[in-house]
PDB file of N, CA and C in Angstrom:
ATOM      1  N   MET A   1      -6.371 107.156 105.935  1.00  0.00           N
ATOM      2  CA  MET A   1      -5.875 107.050 107.423  1.00  0.00           C
ATOM      3  C   MET A   1      -4.955 108.104 107.557  1.00  0.00           C
ATOM      4  N   GLU A   2      -5.015 108.895 108.898  1.00  0.00           N
ATOM      5  CA  GLU A   2      -4.129 110.001 109.031  1.00  0.00           C
ATOM      6  C   GLU A   2      -3.035 109.301 109.824  1.00  0.00           C
ATOM      7  N   ARG A   3      -1.986 109.942 109.374  1.00  0.00           N
ATOM      8  CA  ARG A   3      -0.415 109.053 109.912  1.00  0.00           C
ATOM      9  C   ARG A   3      -0.048 110.109 111.216  1.00  0.00           C
ATOM     10  N   ARG A   4       0.327 109.473 112.299  1.00  0.00           N
ATOM     11  CA  ARG A   4       0.800 110.118 113.319  1.00  0.00           C
ATOM     12  C   ARG A   4       2.356 110.342 113.327  1.00  0.00           C
ATOM     13  N   SER A   5       2.856 111.259 113.920  1.00  0.00           N
ATOM     14  CA  SER A   5       4.442 111.499 113.902  1.00  0.00           C
ATOM     15  C   SER A   5       4.961 110.207 114.347  1.00  0.00           C
ATOM     16  N   THR A   6       6.163 109.952 113.848  1.00  0.00           N
ATOM     17  CA  THR A   6       6.985 108.804 114.204  1.00  0.00           C
ATOM     18  C   THR A   6       7.326 108.956 115.588  1.00  0.00           C
ATOM     19  N   LEU A   7       7.516 110.120 116.132  1.00  0.00           N
ATOM     20  CA  LEU A   7       8.033 110.247 117.468  1.00  0.00           C
ATOM     21  C   LEU A   7       6.928 109.898 118.387  1.00  0.00           C
ATOM     22  N   ASP A   8       5.715 110.222 117.995  1.00  0.00           N
ATOM     23  CA  ASP A   8       4.592 110.073 118.878  1.00  0.00           C
ATOM     24  C   ASP A   8       4.249 108.430 118.975  1.00  0.00           C
ATOM     25  N   ILE A   9       4.602 107.758 117.793  1.00  0.00           N
ATOM     26  CA  ILE A   9       4.356 106.317 117.700  1.00  0.00           C
ATOM     27  C   ILE A   9       5.417 105.680 118.563  1.00  0.00           C
ATOM     28  N   ALA A  10       6.513 106.108 118.536  1.00  0.00           N
ATOM     29  CA  ALA A  10       7.688 105.588 119.329  1.00  0.00           C
ATOM     30  C   ALA A  10       7.422 105.823 120.961  1.00  0.00           C
ATOM     31  N   PHE A  11       6.936 106.913 121.217  1.00  0.00           N
ATOM     32  CA  PHE A  11       6.479 107.127 122.696  1.00  0.00           C
ATOM     33  C   PHE A  11       5.396 106.300 123.044  1.00  0.00           C
ATOM     34  N   GLN A  12       4.524 106.099 122.144  1.00  0.00           N
ATOM     35  CA  GLN A  12       3.290 105.128 122.637  1.00  0.00           C
ATOM     36  C   GLN A  12       3.939 103.613 122.688  1.00  0.00           C
ATOM     37  N   ILE A  13       4.905 103.290 121.827  1.00  0.00           N
ATOM     38  CA  ILE A  13       5.438 101.936 121.828  1.00  0.00           C
ATOM     39  C   ILE A  13       6.135 101.699 123.298  1.00  0.00           C
ATOM     40  N   ILE A  14       7.134 102.680 123.564  1.00  0.00           N
ATOM     41  CA  ILE A  14       7.858 102.529 124.883  1.00  0.00           C
ATOM     42  C   ILE A  14       7.119 102.607 126.064  1.00  0.00           C
ATOM     43  N   GLU A  15       6.060 103.461 125.911  1.00  0.00           N
ATOM     44  CA  GLU A  15       5.155 103.719 127.018  1.00  0.00           C
ATOM     45  C   GLU A  15       4.367 102.391 127.289  1.00  0.00           C
ATOM     46  N   GLU A  16       3.753 101.908 126.366  1.00  0.00           N
ATOM     47  CA  GLU A  16       2.951 100.530 126.686  1.00  0.00           C
ATOM     48  C   GLU A  16       3.862  99.470 126.856  1.00  0.00           C
ATOM     49  N   ALA A  17       5.019  99.379 126.455  1.00  0.00           N
ATOM     50  CA  ALA A  17       5.857  98.109 126.814  1.00  0.00           C
ATOM     51  C   ALA A  17       6.467  98.317 128.113  1.00  0.00           C
ATOM     52  N   ASN A  18       6.644  99.642 128.519  1.00  0.00           N
ATOM     53  CA  ASN A  18       7.109  99.869 129.737  1.00  0.00           C
ATOM     54  C   ASN A  18       8.657  99.423 130.031  1.00  0.00           C
ATOM     55  N   GLN A  19       9.277  99.523 128.795  1.00  0.00           N
ATOM     56  CA  GLN A  19      10.736  99.066 128.722  1.00  0.00           C
ATOM     57  C   GLN A  19      11.541  99.797 127.596  1.00  0.00           C
ATOM     58  N   PRO A  20      12.748 100.019 127.916  1.00  0.00           N
ATOM     59  CA  PRO A  20      13.520 100.534 126.637  1.00  0.00           C
ATOM     60  C   PRO A  20      13.770  99.674 125.621  1.00  0.00           C
ATOM     61  N   PHE A  21      14.087 100.367 124.337  1.00  0.00           N
ATOM     62  CA  PHE A  21      14.308  99.506 123.285  1.00  0.00           C
ATOM     63  C   PHE A  21      15.631  99.863 122.590  1.00  0.00           C
ATOM     64  N   PRO A  22      16.259  99.085 121.969  1.00  0.00           N
ATOM     65  CA  PRO A  22      17.383  99.349 121.047  1.00  0.00           C
ATOM     66  C   PRO A  22      16.866 100.059 119.806  1.00  0.00           C
ATOM     67  N   PHE A  23      17.641 101.200 119.445  1.00  0.00           N
ATOM     68  CA  PHE A  23      17.040 101.920 118.279  1.00  0.00           C
ATOM     69  C   PHE A  23      16.372 101.110 117.086  1.00  0.00           C
ATOM     70  N   TYR A  24      17.073 100.168 116.504  1.00  0.00           N
ATOM     71  CA  TYR A  24      16.604  99.442 115.467  1.00  0.00           C
ATOM     72  C   TYR A  24      15.269  98.697 115.771  1.00  0.00           C
ATOM     73  N   GLU A  25      15.381  98.077 116.832  1.00  0.00           N
ATOM     74  CA  GLU A  25      14.000  97.413 117.149  1.00  0.00           C
ATOM     75  C   GLU A  25      12.868  98.521 117.377  1.00  0.00           C
ATOM     76  N   LEU A  26      13.121  99.508 117.868  1.00  0.00           N
ATOM     77  CA  LEU A  26      12.193 100.690 118.088  1.00  0.00           C
ATOM     78  C   LEU A  26      11.689 101.105 116.765  1.00  0.00           C
ATOM     79  N   TRP A  27      12.688 101.340 115.871  1.00  0.00           N
ATOM     80  CA  TRP A  27      12.418 101.614 114.458  1.00  0.00           C
ATOM     81  C   TRP A  27      11.626 100.705 113.690  1.00  0.00           C
ATOM     82  N   GLU A  28      11.954  99.425 113.812  1.00  0.00           N
ATOM     83  CA  GLU A  28      11.108  98.481 113.181  1.00  0.00           C
ATOM     84  C   GLU A  28       9.668  98.327 113.473  1.00  0.00           C
ATOM     85  N   LYS A  29       9.367  98.761 114.843  1.00  0.00           N
ATOM     86  CA  LYS A  29       8.062  98.711 115.346  1.00  0.00           C
ATOM     87  C   LYS A  29       7.284  99.987 114.744  1.00  0.00           C
ATOM     88  N   VAL A  30       8.066 101.226 114.594  1.00  0.00           N
ATOM     89  CA  VAL A  30       7.507 102.288 114.090  1.00  0.00           C
ATOM     90  C   VAL A  30       6.997 101.935 112.624  1.00  0.00           C
ATOM     91  N   VAL A  31       8.077 101.608 111.952  1.00  0.00           N
ATOM     92  CA  VAL A  31       7.829 101.214 110.495  1.00  0.00           C
ATOM     93  C   VAL A  31       6.664 100.457 110.233  1.00  0.00           C
ATOM     94  N   GLU A  32       6.510  99.380 111.289  1.00  0.00           N
ATOM     95  CA  GLU A  32       5.246  98.478 111.142  1.00  0.00           C
ATOM     96  C   GLU A  32       3.934  99.182 111.373  1.00  0.00           C
ATOM     97  N   VAL A  33       3.733 100.137 112.336  1.00  0.00           N
ATOM     98  CA  VAL A  33       2.616 100.860 112.626  1.00  0.00           C
ATOM     99  C   VAL A  33       2.416 101.712 111.400  1.00  0.00           C
ATOM    100  N   GLN A  34       3.451 102.432 111.096  1.00  0.00           N
ATOM    101  CA  GLN A  34       3.253 103.469 110.019  1.00  0.00           C
ATOM    102  C   GLN A  34       3.056 102.871 108.659  1.00  0.00           C
ATOM    103  N   GLN A  35       3.501 101.458 108.600  1.00  0.00           N
ATOM    104  CA  GLN A  35       3.274 100.871 107.160  1.00  0.00           C
ATOM    105  C   GLN A  35       4.155 101.321 106.230  1.00  0.00           C
ATOM    106  N   PHE A  36       5.446 101.581 106.734  1.00  0.00           N
ATOM    107  CA  PHE A  36       6.246 102.275 105.658  1.00  0.00           C
ATOM    108  C   PHE A  36       6.766 101.212 104.756  1.00  0.00           C
ATOM    109  N   SER A  37       7.031 101.571 103.399  1.00  0.00           N
ATOM    110  CA  SER A  37       7.734 100.652 102.429  1.00  0.00           C
ATOM    111  C   SER A  37       9.173 100.839 102.864  1.00  0.00           C
ATOM    112  N   GLU A  38      10.023  99.834 102.210  1.00  0.00           N
ATOM    113  CA  GLU A  38      11.446  99.811 102.342  1.00  0.00           C
ATOM    114  C   GLU A  38      11.983 101.278 102.267  1.00  0.00           C
ATOM    115  N   LYS A  39      11.417 101.711 100.862  1.00  0.00           N
ATOM    116  CA  LYS A  39      12.050 103.069 100.369  1.00  0.00           C
ATOM    117  C   LYS A  39      11.683 104.081 101.346  1.00  0.00           C
ATOM    118  N   GLU A  40      10.419 104.123 101.828  1.00  0.00           N
ATOM    119  CA  GLU A  40      10.192 105.178 102.719  1.00  0.00           C
ATOM    120  C   GLU A  40      10.816 105.197 104.127  1.00  0.00           C
ATOM    121  N   SER A  41      11.064 103.829 104.518  1.00  0.00           N
ATOM    122  CA  SER A  41      11.822 103.681 105.793  1.00  0.00           C
ATOM    123  C   SER A  41      13.160 104.207 105.631  1.00  0.00           C
ATOM    124  N   ALA A  42      13.966 103.935 104.539  1.00  0.00           N
ATOM    125  CA  ALA A  42      15.162 104.277 104.206  1.00  0.00           C
ATOM    126  C   ALA A  42      15.322 105.821 104.195  1.00  0.00           C
ATOM    127  N   GLU A  43      14.134 106.401 103.652  1.00  0.00           N
ATOM    128  CA  GLU A  43      14.261 107.879 103.462  1.00  0.00           C
ATOM    129  C   GLU A  43      14.043 108.654 104.673  1.00  0.00           C
ATOM    130  N   VAL A  44      13.316 108.132 105.782  1.00  0.00           N
ATOM    131  CA  VAL A  44      13.080 108.782 106.887  1.00  0.00           C
ATOM    132  C   VAL A  44      13.858 108.254 108.273  1.00  0.00           C
ATOM    133  N   ILE A  45      14.495 107.366 108.118  1.00  0.00           N
ATOM    134  CA  ILE A  45      15.330 106.761 109.172  1.00  0.00           C
ATOM    135  C   ILE A  45      16.158 107.926 109.983  1.00  0.00           C
ATOM    136  N   SER A  46      16.979 108.446 109.109  1.00  0.00           N
ATOM    137  CA  SER A  46      17.813 109.400 109.810  1.00  0.00           C
ATOM    138  C   SER A  46      17.141 110.688 110.367  1.00  0.00           C
ATOM    139  N   ARG A  47      16.054 111.111 109.791  1.00  0.00           N
ATOM    140  CA  ARG A  47      15.320 112.232 110.450  1.00  0.00           C
ATOM    141  C   ARG A  47      14.900 111.577 111.668  1.00  0.00           C
ATOM    142  N   PHE A  48      14.391 110.493 111.776  1.00  0.00           N
ATOM    143  CA  PHE A  48      13.632 110.125 112.869  1.00  0.00           C
ATOM    144  C   PHE A  48      14.608 109.957 114.101  1.00  0.00           C
ATOM    145  N   TYR A  49      15.953 109.406 113.727  1.00  0.00           N
ATOM    146  CA  TYR A  49      17.045 109.375 114.870  1.00  0.00           C
ATOM    147  C   TYR A  49      17.366 110.690 115.247  1.00  0.00           C
ATOM    148  N   THR A  50      17.377 111.678 114.299  1.00  0.00           N
ATOM    149  CA  THR A  50      17.873 113.113 114.743  1.00  0.00           C
ATOM    150  C   THR A  50      16.707 113.684 115.546  1.00  0.00           C
ATOM    151  N   ASN A  51      15.466 113.518 115.203  1.00  0.00           N
ATOM    152  CA  ASN A  51      14.349 114.083 116.014  1.00  0.00           C
ATOM    153  C   ASN A  51      14.296 113.193 117.461  1.00  0.00           C
ATOM    154  N   LEU A  52      14.671 112.024 117.467  1.00  0.00           N
ATOM    155  CA  LEU A  52      14.646 111.219 118.634  1.00  0.00           C
ATOM    156  C   LEU A  52      15.666 111.832 119.523  1.00  0.00           C
ATOM    157  N   THR A  53      16.797 112.122 119.154  1.00  0.00           N
ATOM    158  CA  THR A  53      17.908 112.731 120.125  1.00  0.00           C
ATOM    159  C   THR A  53      17.479 114.198 120.441  1.00  0.00           C
ATOM    160  N   LEU A  54      16.795 114.917 119.733  1.00  0.00           N
ATOM    161  CA  LEU A  54      16.340 116.226 120.037  1.00  0.00           C
ATOM    162  C   LEU A  54      15.140 116.418 120.913  1.00  0.00           C
ATOM    163  N   ASP A  55      14.343 115.297 120.914  1.00  0.00           N
ATOM    164  CA  ASP A  55      13.008 115.379 121.669  1.00  0.00           C
ATOM    165  C   ASP A  55      13.133 115.191 123.219  1.00  0.00           C
ATOM    166  N   GLY A  56      12.862 116.036 124.031  1.00  0.00           N
ATOM    167  CA  GLY A  56      13.288 115.965 125.460  1.00  0.00           C
ATOM    168  C   GLY A  56      12.422 114.816 126.177  1.00  0.00           C
ATOM    169  N   ARG A  57      11.400 114.135 125.399  1.00  0.00           N
ATOM    170  CA  ARG A  57      10.701 113.038 126.036  1.00  0.00           C
ATOM    171  C   ARG A  57      11.264 111.640 126.068  1.00  0.00           C
ATOM    172  N   PHE A  58      12.511 111.708 125.171  1.00  0.00           N
ATOM    173  CA  PHE A  58      13.379 110.468 125.045  1.00  0.00           C
ATOM    174  C   PHE A  58      14.689 110.527 125.653  1.00  0.00           C
ATOM    175  N   VAL A  59      15.224 109.509 126.079  1.00  0.00           N
ATOM    176  CA  VAL A  59      16.687 109.450 126.688  1.00  0.00           C
ATOM    177  C   VAL A  59      17.519 108.362 126.130  1.00  0.00           C
ATOM    178  N   ASN A  60      18.579 108.433 125.774  1.00  0.00           N
ATOM    179  CA  ASN A  60      19.395 107.466 125.265  1.00  0.00           C
ATOM    180  C   ASN A  60      20.090 106.917 126.549  1.00  0.00           C
ATOM    181  N   LEU A  61      19.998 105.652 126.766  1.00  0.00           N
ATOM    182  CA  LEU A  61      20.429 104.797 128.011  1.00  0.00           C
ATOM    183  C   LEU A  61      22.008 104.281 127.757  1.00  0.00           C
ATOM    184  N   GLY A  62      22.474 104.672 126.660  1.00  0.00           N
ATOM    185  CA  GLY A  62      23.830 104.007 126.127  1.00  0.00           C
ATOM    186  C   GLY A  62      23.653 102.892 125.319  1.00  0.00           C
ATOM    187  N   ASP A  63      24.547 102.554 124.643  1.00  0.00           N
ATOM    188  CA  ASP A  63      24.375 101.493 123.464  1.00  0.00           C
ATOM    189  C   ASP A  63      23.242 101.582 122.575  1.00  0.00           C
ATOM    190  N   ASN A  64      22.888 102.797 122.402  1.00  0.00           N
ATOM    191  CA  ASN A  64      21.747 103.169 121.454  1.00  0.00           C
ATOM    192  C   ASN A  64      20.403 102.556 121.813  1.00  0.00           C
ATOM    193  N   THR A  65      20.176 102.488 123.040  1.00  0.00           N
ATOM    194  CA  THR A  65      18.942 102.062 123.733  1.00  0.00           C
ATOM    195  C   THR A  65      18.160 103.207 124.330  1.00  0.00           C
ATOM    196  N   TRP A  66      16.908 103.222 123.908  1.00  0.00           N
ATOM    197  CA  TRP A  66      16.209 104.363 124.071  1.00  0.00           C
ATOM    198  C   TRP A  66      14.938 104.086 124.971  1.00  0.00           C
ATOM    199  N   ASP A  67      14.754 104.988 125.938  1.00  0.00           N
ATOM    200  CA  ASP A  67      13.528 104.945 126.910  1.00  0.00           C
ATOM    201  C   ASP A  67      12.955 106.307 127.101  1.00  0.00           C
ATOM    202  N   LEU A  68      11.812 106.398 127.818  1.00  0.00           N
ATOM    203  CA  LEU A  68      11.185 107.650 127.973  1.00  0.00           C
ATOM    204  C   LEU A  68      11.928 108.385 129.216  1.00  0.00           C
ATOM    205  N   ARG A  69      12.067 109.658 129.112  1.00  0.00           N
ATOM    206  CA  ARG A  69      12.803 110.380 130.328  1.00  0.00           C
ATOM    207  C   ARG A  69      12.104 110.163 131.460  1.00  0.00           C
ATOM    208  N   LYS A  70      10.740 110.120 131.332  1.00  0.00           N
ATOM    209  CA  LYS A  70       9.950 110.100 132.588  1.00  0.00           C
ATOM    210  C   LYS A  70      10.147 108.827 133.405  1.00  0.00           C
ATOM    211  N   ASN A  71      10.674 107.871 132.684  1.00  0.00           N
ATOM    212  CA  ASN A  71      10.939 106.457 133.474  1.00  0.00           C
ATOM    213  C   ASN A  71      12.240 106.285 134.051  1.00  0.00           C
ATOM    214  N   ASN A  72      13.072 107.511 133.891  1.00  0.00           N
ATOM    215  CA  ASN A  72      14.340 107.442 134.447  1.00  0.00           C
ATOM    216  C   ASN A  72      14.777 108.660 135.358  1.00  0.00           C
ATOM    217  N   THR A  73      15.448 108.234 136.390  1.00  0.00           N
ATOM    218  CA  THR A  73      15.791 109.373 137.364  1.00  0.00           C
ATOM    219  C   THR A  73      16.870 110.254 136.663  1.00  0.00           C
ATOM    220  N   TYR A  74      17.068 111.356 137.159  1.00  0.00           N
ATOM    221  CA  TYR A  74      18.375 112.194 136.729  1.00  0.00           C
ATOM    222  C   TYR A  74      19.738 111.645 136.790  1.00  0.00           C
ATOM    223  N   ASP A  75      19.876 111.063 137.918  1.00  0.00           N
ATOM    224  CA  ASP A  75      21.149 110.427 138.260  1.00  0.00           C
ATOM    225  C   ASP A  75      21.503 109.450 137.255  1.00  0.00           C
ATOM    226  N   LYS A  76      20.515 108.528 136.850  1.00  0.00           N
ATOM    227  CA  LYS A  76      20.760 107.508 135.920  1.00  0.00           C
ATOM    228  C   LYS A  76      21.188 108.029 134.534  1.00  0.00           C
ATOM    229  N   VAL A  77      20.457 108.976 134.037  1.00  0.00           N
ATOM    230  CA  VAL A  77      20.733 109.369 132.590  1.00  0.00           C
ATOM    231  C   VAL A  77      21.680 110.689 132.474  1.00  0.00           C
ATOM    232  N   HIS A  78      22.074 111.183 133.630  1.00  0.00           N
ATOM    233  CA  HIS A  78      22.852 112.624 133.459  1.00  0.00           C
ATOM    234  C   HIS A  78      24.390 112.059 133.133  1.00  0.00           C
ATOM    235  N   ILE A  79      24.747 112.767 132.206  1.00  0.00           N
ATOM    236  CA  ILE A  79      26.358 112.656 131.743  1.00  0.00           C
ATOM    237  C   ILE A  79      27.243 113.972 132.155  1.00  0.00           C
ATOM    238  N   ASP A  80      27.997 113.810 133.140  1.00  0.00           N
ATOM    239  CA  ASP A  80      28.783 114.797 133.453  1.00  0.00           C
ATOM    240  C   ASP A  80      29.821 115.400 132.438  1.00  0.00           C
ATOM    241  N   ILE A  81      29.431 116.480 131.848  1.00  0.00           N
ATOM    242  CA  ILE A  81      30.176 116.853 130.580  1.00  0.00           C
ATOM    243  C   ILE A  81      31.659 117.211 130.973  1.00  0.00           C
ATOM    244  N   ASN A  82      31.982 117.537 132.188  1.00  0.00           N
ATOM    245  CA  ASN A  82      33.433 117.753 132.579  1.00  0.00           C
ATOM    246  C   ASN A  82      34.227 116.520 132.568  1.00  0.00           C
ATOM    247  N   GLU A  83      33.721 115.344 132.922  1.00  0.00           N
ATOM    248  CA  GLU A  83      34.311 114.049 132.761  1.00  0.00           C
ATOM    249  C   GLU A  83      34.718 113.782 131.363  1.00  0.00           C
ATOM    250  N   VAL A  84      33.841 113.998 130.502  1.00  0.00           N
ATOM    251  CA  VAL A  84      33.913 113.838 129.068  1.00  0.00           C
ATOM    252  C   VAL A  84      35.245 114.722 128.608  1.00  0.00           C
ATOM    253  N   TYR A  85      35.235 115.963 128.843  1.00  0.00           N
ATOM    254  CA  TYR A  85      36.201 116.887 128.486  1.00  0.00           C
ATOM    255  C   TYR A  85      37.515 116.601 129.068  1.00  0.00           C
ATOM    256  N   THR A  86      37.518 116.188 130.372  1.00  0.00           N
ATOM    257  CA  THR A  86      38.760 115.791 131.145  1.00  0.00           C
ATOM    258  C   THR A  86      39.282 114.656 130.407  1.00  0.00           C
ATOM    259  N   ALA A  87      38.768 113.547 130.040  1.00  0.00           N
ATOM    260  CA  ALA A  87      39.211 112.462 129.372  1.00  0.00           C
ATOM    261  C   ALA A  87      39.813 112.868 128.024  1.00  0.00           C
ATOM    262  N   ASP A  88      39.192 113.669 127.336  1.00  0.00           N
ATOM    263  CA  ASP A  88      39.677 114.125 125.974  1.00  0.00           C
ATOM    264  C   ASP A  88      40.901 115.125 126.118  1.00  0.00           C
ATOM    265  N   ASP A  89      40.944 116.010 127.110  1.00  0.00           N
ATOM    266  CA  ASP A  89      41.902 116.812 127.399  1.00  0.00           C
ATOM    267  C   ASP A  89      43.217 115.913 127.698  1.00  0.00           C
ATOM    268  N   GLN A  90      43.067 115.004 128.628  1.00  0.00           N
ATOM    269  CA  GLN A  90      44.207 113.991 128.967  1.00  0.00           C
ATOM    270  C   GLN A  90      44.725 113.411 127.892  1.00  0.00           C
ATOM    271  N   ASP A  91      44.110 112.961 126.902  1.00  0.00           N
ATOM    272  CA  ASP A  91      44.394 112.286 125.667  1.00  0.00           C
ATOM    273  C   ASP A  91      45.206 113.166 124.788  1.00  0.00           C
ATOM    274  N   GLN A  92      44.804 114.416 124.540  1.00  0.00           N
ATOM    275  CA  GLN A  92      45.650 115.638 124.016  1.00  0.00           C
ATOM    276  C   GLN A  92      46.823 115.773 124.566  1.00  0.00           C
ATOM    277  N   ASP A  93      46.823 115.921 125.912  1.00  0.00           N
ATOM    278  CA  ASP A  93      48.033 116.232 126.654  1.00  0.00           C
ATOM    279  C   ASP A  93      48.888 115.141 126.428  1.00  0.00           C
ATOM    280  N   ASP A  94      48.564 113.959 126.466  1.00  0.00           N
ATOM    281  CA  ASP A  94      49.382 112.669 126.019  1.00  0.00           C
ATOM    282  C   ASP A  94      50.129 112.681 124.802  1.00  0.00           C
ATOM    283  N   ASP A  95      49.279 112.949 123.853  1.00  0.00           N
ATOM    284  CA  ASP A  95      49.728 113.251 122.447  1.00  0.00           C
ATOM    285  C   ASP A  95      50.662 114.256 122.232  1.00  0.00           C
ATOM    286  N   ILE A  96      50.491 115.250 122.855  1.00  0.00           N
ATOM    287  CA  ILE A  96      51.451 116.498 122.750  1.00  0.00           C
ATOM    288  C   ILE A  96      52.875 116.026 123.452  1.00  0.00           C
ATOM    289  N   GLU A  97      52.682 115.319 124.583  1.00  0.00           N
ATOM    290  CA  GLU A  97      53.934 114.987 125.236  1.00  0.00           C
ATOM    291  C   GLU A  97      54.902 113.932 124.321  1.00  0.00           C
ATOM    292  N   GLU A  98      54.007 112.935 123.937  1.00  0.00           N
ATOM    293  CA  GLU A  98      54.811 112.269 122.852  1.00  0.00           C
ATOM    294  C   GLU A  98      55.257 112.646 121.774  1.00  0.00           C
ATOM    295  N   LEU A  99      54.643 113.564 121.222  1.00  0.00           N
ATOM    296  CA  LEU A  99      55.158 114.432 120.037  1.00  0.00           C
ATOM    297  C   LEU A  99      56.373 115.063 120.409  1.00  0.00           C
ATOM    298  N   THR A 100      56.310 115.667 121.452  1.00  0.00           N
ATOM    299  CA  THR A 100      57.429 116.577 122.062  1.00  0.00           C
ATOM    300  C   THR A 100      58.588 115.656 122.102  1.00  0.00           C
ATOM    301  N   ALA A 101      58.499 114.562 122.701  1.00  0.00           N
ATOM    302  CA  ALA A 101      59.795 113.487 123.078  1.00  0.00           C
ATOM    303  C   ALA A 101      60.149 113.120 121.635  1.00  0.00           C
ATOM    304  N   GLN A 102      59.217 112.794 120.768  1.00  0.00           N
ATOM    305  CA  GLN A 102      59.889 112.356 119.374  1.00  0.00           C
ATOM    306  C   GLN A 102      60.517 113.496 118.672  1.00  0.00           C
ATOM    307  N   MET A 103      60.164 114.729 118.871  1.00  0.00           N
ATOM    308  CA  MET A 103      60.868 115.840 118.231  1.00  0.00           C
ATOM    309  C   MET A 103      62.369 115.919 118.969  1.00  0.00           C
ATOM    310  N   GLU A 104      62.245 115.923 120.248  1.00  0.00           N
ATOM    311  CA  GLU A 104      63.472 116.162 120.997  1.00  0.00           C
ATOM    312  C   GLU A 104      64.524 114.913 120.466  1.00  0.00           C
ATOM    313  N   GLU A 105      64.076 113.791 120.379  1.00  0.00           N
ATOM    314  CA  GLU A 105      64.786 112.765 120.064  1.00  0.00           C
ATOM    315  C   GLU A 105      65.338 112.922 118.547  1.00  0.00           C
ATOM    316  N   ALA A 106      64.518 113.360 117.691  1.00  0.00           N
ATOM    317  CA  ALA A 106      65.010 113.603 116.375  1.00  0.00           C
ATOM    318  C   ALA A 106      66.026 114.712 116.285  1.00  0.00           C
ATOM    319  N   LYS A 107      65.888 115.767 117.155  1.00  0.00           N
ATOM    320  CA  LYS A 107      66.913 116.715 117.050  1.00  0.00           C
ATOM    321  C   LYS A 107      68.292 116.135 117.782  1.00  0.00           C
ATOM    322  N   GLU A 108      68.197 115.373 118.743  1.00  0.00           N
ATOM    323  CA  GLU A 108      69.458 114.785 119.332  1.00  0.00           C
ATOM    324  C   GLU A 108      70.058 113.650 118.402  1.00  0.00           C
ATOM    325  N   THR A 109      69.426 113.221 117.517  1.00  0.00           N
ATOM    326  CA  THR A 109      70.012 112.113 116.721  1.00  0.00           C
ATOM    327  C   THR A 109      70.337 112.553 115.284  1.00  0.00           C
ATOM    328  N   GLY A 110      70.201 113.983 115.160  1.00  0.00           N
ATOM    329  CA  GLY A 110      70.662 114.491 113.738  1.00  0.00           C
ATOM    330  C   GLY A 110      69.777 114.444 112.861  1.00  0.00           C
ATOM    331  N   MET A 111      68.426 114.011 113.025  1.00  0.00           N
ATOM    332  CA  MET A 111      67.553 114.026 111.933  1.00  0.00           C
ATOM    333  C   MET A 111      67.181 115.336 111.132  1.00  0.00           C
ATOM    334  N   PHE A 112      67.578 116.292 111.914  1.00  0.00           N
ATOM    335  CA  PHE A 112      67.319 117.756 111.252  1.00  0.00           C
ATOM    336  C   PHE A 112      68.719 118.146 110.718  1.00  0.00           C
ATOM    337  N   GLU A 113      68.836 118.765 109.712  1.00  0.00           N
ATOM    338  CA  GLU A 113      70.049 119.214 109.011  1.00  0.00           C
ATOM    339  C   GLU A 113      70.658 120.397 109.968  1.00  0.00           C
ATOM    340  N   ASN A 114      69.596 121.146 110.274  1.00  0.00           N
ATOM    341  CA  ASN A 114      70.246 122.525 111.352  1.00  0.00           C
ATOM    342  C   ASN A 114      69.332 122.480 112.334  1.00  0.00           C
ATOM    343  N   PRO A 115      69.685 121.816 113.372  1.00  0.00           N
ATOM    344  CA  PRO A 115      68.765 121.762 114.818  1.00  0.00           C
ATOM    345  C   PRO A 115      68.585 122.996 115.335  1.00  0.00           C
ATOM    346  N   GLU A 116      69.509 124.024 115.009  1.00  0.00           N
ATOM    347  CA  GLU A 116      69.314 125.407 115.609  1.00  0.00           C
ATOM    348  C   GLU A 116      68.124 126.021 115.035  1.00  0.00           C
ATOM    349  N   GLU A 117      67.746 125.536 113.873  1.00  0.00           N
ATOM    350  CA  GLU A 117      66.541 126.256 113.084  1.00  0.00           C
ATOM    351  C   GLU A 117      65.144 125.815 113.672  1.00  0.00           C
ATOM    352  N   PHE A 118      65.322 124.712 114.229  1.00  0.00           N
ATOM    353  CA  PHE A 118      64.132 124.225 114.865  1.00  0.00           C
ATOM    354  C   PHE A 118      63.620 125.050 116.143  1.00  0.00           C
ATOM    355  N   ASP A 119      62.368 125.390 116.001  1.00  0.00           N
ATOM    356  CA  ASP A 119      61.922 126.363 116.961  1.00  0.00           C
ATOM    357  C   ASP A 119      61.057 125.534 118.044  1.00  0.00           C
ATOM    358  N   ASP A 120      61.472 125.300 119.241  1.00  0.00           N
ATOM    359  CA  ASP A 120      60.707 124.740 120.203  1.00  0.00           C
ATOM    360  C   ASP A 120      59.253 125.245 120.563  1.00  0.00           C
ATOM    361  N   GLU A 121      59.106 126.546 120.149  1.00  0.00           N
ATOM    362  CA  GLU A 121      57.754 127.295 120.443  1.00  0.00           C
ATOM    363  C   GLU A 121      56.805 126.716 119.461  1.00  0.00           C
ATOM    364  N   GLU A 122      57.064 126.083 118.486  1.00  0.00           N
ATOM    365  CA  GLU A 122      56.032 125.421 117.479  1.00  0.00           C
ATOM    366  C   GLU A 122      55.430 124.333 118.010  1.00  0.00           C
ATOM    367  N   ILE A 123      56.086 123.553 119.110  1.00  0.00           N
ATOM    368  CA  ILE A 123      55.415 122.420 119.725  1.00  0.00           C
ATOM    369  C   ILE A 123      54.076 122.832 120.393  1.00  0.00           C
TER     370      ILE A 123
END
C-alpha cells in the first residue's frame, strides 16, 4: 500500500468534513488513516506540525485549530503584525520605566555606596 503524505491526508480530512479541527484531533485522524504505530506517531508528529504551519493550504484559526485557507476570508485569518509588535514594544517600555524608577529609588535611599559612580546612560 502506497502511503500518501500526512499533509495531503489532513487536507482531505478537513475538506471532506468541511469544518476546522483542533490539531490533536486532526493528528489522530491522520494517524488512523496512515495506520501509524505509537512509535511512528511520536516520531513524526513534530514534523507534521511544522509542515502544517508552513503549508499555505492550511490556516491556524487560533487555539491550535486548523482549517483550509480556501474556506476562510483574508479578514478572518489575517493578523496585523504591527499590532503584535506594538503590544510587545509597550510591554518593554513599561519594563524599562519600572527599572528606571527602581534604580532612582535605590540611588536616593543610599543603596549604592557611591551614587555619583552610577551612570544614568546605562539604563
